[in-house]
């Protein structure tokens, strides 16, 4: 499925990729092996052939070092932790500082 993503990205940005060397960085070792394979076969053949007209390389980066996608895939977990942290702060800090609260309850200033 990830090779389809590379193919779609290359199709979308082919006008940029044809002018520059591209680097695809992945944590999926099979993609790296598939691209380096001298005679790809099967469904991946179409995607690989389409990519071969580009000047590109596929680099393997282990998942633990692949920070941006890892952060995106863990966004729900991060939001849960952030919500818990904010909830714990809510008791420590009032919604508005006392000076702002005093301004809100003061009498209106007469005009004119």
Protein backbone atom coordinates (compact mmCIF):
# COMPACT_ATOMS: atom_id res chain seq x y z
CA UNK A 1 0.00 0.00 0.00
CA UNK A 2 2.85 2.40 0.73
CA UNK A 3 4.26 2.00 -2.77
CA UNK A 4 0.93 3.33 -4.05
CA UNK A 5 1.50 6.40 -1.87
CA UNK A 6 4.90 6.99 -3.44
CA UNK A 7 3.41 6.59 -6.90
CA UNK A 8 0.58 9.04 -6.12
CA UNK A 9 3.00 11.57 -4.62
CA UNK A 10 5.28 11.27 -7.64
CA UNK A 11 2.30 11.71 -10.01
CA UNK A 12 1.07 14.77 -8.15
CA UNK A 13 4.45 16.49 -7.97
CA UNK A 14 6.06 15.12 -11.14
CA UNK A 15 6.72 18.61 -12.54
CA UNK A 16 8.95 19.30 -9.50
CA UNK A 17 10.45 15.84 -9.32
CA UNK A 18 11.47 15.74 -12.98
CA UNK A 19 13.54 18.89 -12.46
CA UNK A 20 15.19 17.81 -9.21
CA UNK A 21 16.55 14.68 -7.60
CA UNK A 22 14.04 13.34 -5.09
CA UNK A 23 14.58 11.47 -1.85
CA UNK A 24 11.85 9.28 -0.44
CA UNK A 25 12.53 8.52 3.21
CA UNK A 26 10.62 5.56 4.63
CA UNK A 27 10.55 3.28 7.63
CA UNK A 28 9.31 0.44 5.42
CA UNK A 29 12.31 -1.66 4.41
CA UNK A 30 10.34 -3.66 1.82
CA UNK A 31 9.86 -0.52 -0.30
CA UNK A 32 13.61 0.08 -0.35
CA UNK A 33 14.23 -3.51 -1.42
CA UNK A 34 11.45 -3.36 -4.02
CA UNK A 35 12.86 -0.25 -5.68
CA UNK A 36 16.37 -1.71 -5.75
CA UNK A 37 15.13 -5.00 -7.21
CA UNK A 38 16.44 -5.42 -10.78
CA UNK A 39 13.25 -7.07 -12.12
CA UNK A 40 10.15 -6.05 -10.14
CA UNK A 41 6.97 -8.00 -10.83
CA UNK A 42 3.30 -7.98 -9.96
CA UNK A 43 1.17 -5.03 -9.00
CA UNK A 44 4.16 -3.00 -7.82
CA UNK A 45 5.66 -3.12 -11.32
CA UNK A 46 3.41 -0.32 -12.61
CA UNK A 47 4.37 2.03 -9.78
CA UNK A 48 8.06 1.20 -10.02
CA UNK A 49 8.10 1.73 -13.79
CA UNK A 50 6.40 5.10 -13.38
CA UNK A 51 8.95 6.13 -10.77
CA UNK A 52 11.90 5.02 -12.91
CA UNK A 53 11.51 8.03 -15.18
CA UNK A 54 12.44 10.20 -12.17
CA UNK A 55 15.84 10.78 -10.62
CA UNK A 56 15.22 9.55 -7.08
CA UNK A 57 16.50 7.43 -4.27
CA UNK A 58 14.67 5.67 -1.48
CA UNK A 59 16.32 5.82 1.92
CA UNK A 60 15.51 3.62 4.88
CA UNK A 61 15.10 5.37 8.21
CA UNK A 62 14.10 3.15 11.16
CA UNK A 63 10.69 3.93 12.62
CA UNK A 64 12.04 5.23 15.92
CA UNK A 65 14.06 7.85 14.04
CA UNK A 66 11.23 8.75 11.67
CA UNK A 67 9.86 11.53 13.90
CA UNK A 68 7.36 13.48 11.77
CA UNK A 69 5.23 10.53 10.58
CA UNK A 70 5.53 9.01 14.03
CA UNK A 71 4.18 12.21 15.58
CA UNK A 72 1.31 12.33 13.10
CA UNK A 73 0.38 8.71 13.72
CA UNK A 74 0.39 9.31 17.46
CA UNK A 75 -1.57 12.58 17.35
CA UNK A 76 -4.55 11.14 19.27
CA UNK A 77 -2.25 9.97 22.05
CA UNK A 78 -0.58 13.39 22.20
CA UNK A 79 -3.93 15.18 22.34
CA UNK A 80 -5.05 12.93 25.21
CA UNK A 81 -1.90 13.76 27.16
CA UNK A 82 -2.27 17.47 26.42
CA UNK A 83 -5.91 17.46 27.54
CA UNK A 84 -4.97 15.70 30.78
CA UNK A 85 -2.21 18.22 31.39
CA UNK A 86 -4.50 21.19 30.72
CA UNK A 87 -7.19 19.74 32.98
CA UNK A 88 -4.67 19.45 35.82
CA UNK A 89 -3.66 23.09 35.32
CA UNK A 90 -7.26 24.26 35.33
CA UNK A 91 -7.51 23.83 39.11
CA UNK A 92 -4.25 25.71 39.70
CA UNK A 93 -5.06 28.78 37.62
CA UNK A 94 -8.33 30.72 37.60
CA UNK A 95 -9.94 31.45 34.26
CA UNK A 96 -9.21 35.15 34.62
CA UNK A 97 -6.77 37.02 36.85
CA UNK A 98 -8.35 38.86 39.83
CA UNK A 99 -7.71 42.26 38.19
CA UNK A 100 -9.73 41.24 35.13
CA UNK A 101 -12.50 39.85 37.35
CA UNK A 102 -12.63 43.19 39.21
CA UNK A 103 -12.94 45.11 35.94
CA UNK A 104 -15.76 42.88 34.82
CA UNK A 105 -17.86 43.52 37.93
CA UNK A 106 -17.11 47.25 38.28
CA UNK A 107 -19.87 49.73 37.68
CA UNK A 108 -20.22 51.27 34.24
CA UNK A 109 -18.36 54.51 33.63
CA UNK A 110 -20.80 57.42 33.14
CA UNK A 111 -20.63 59.03 29.74
CA UNK A 112 -21.04 62.60 28.79
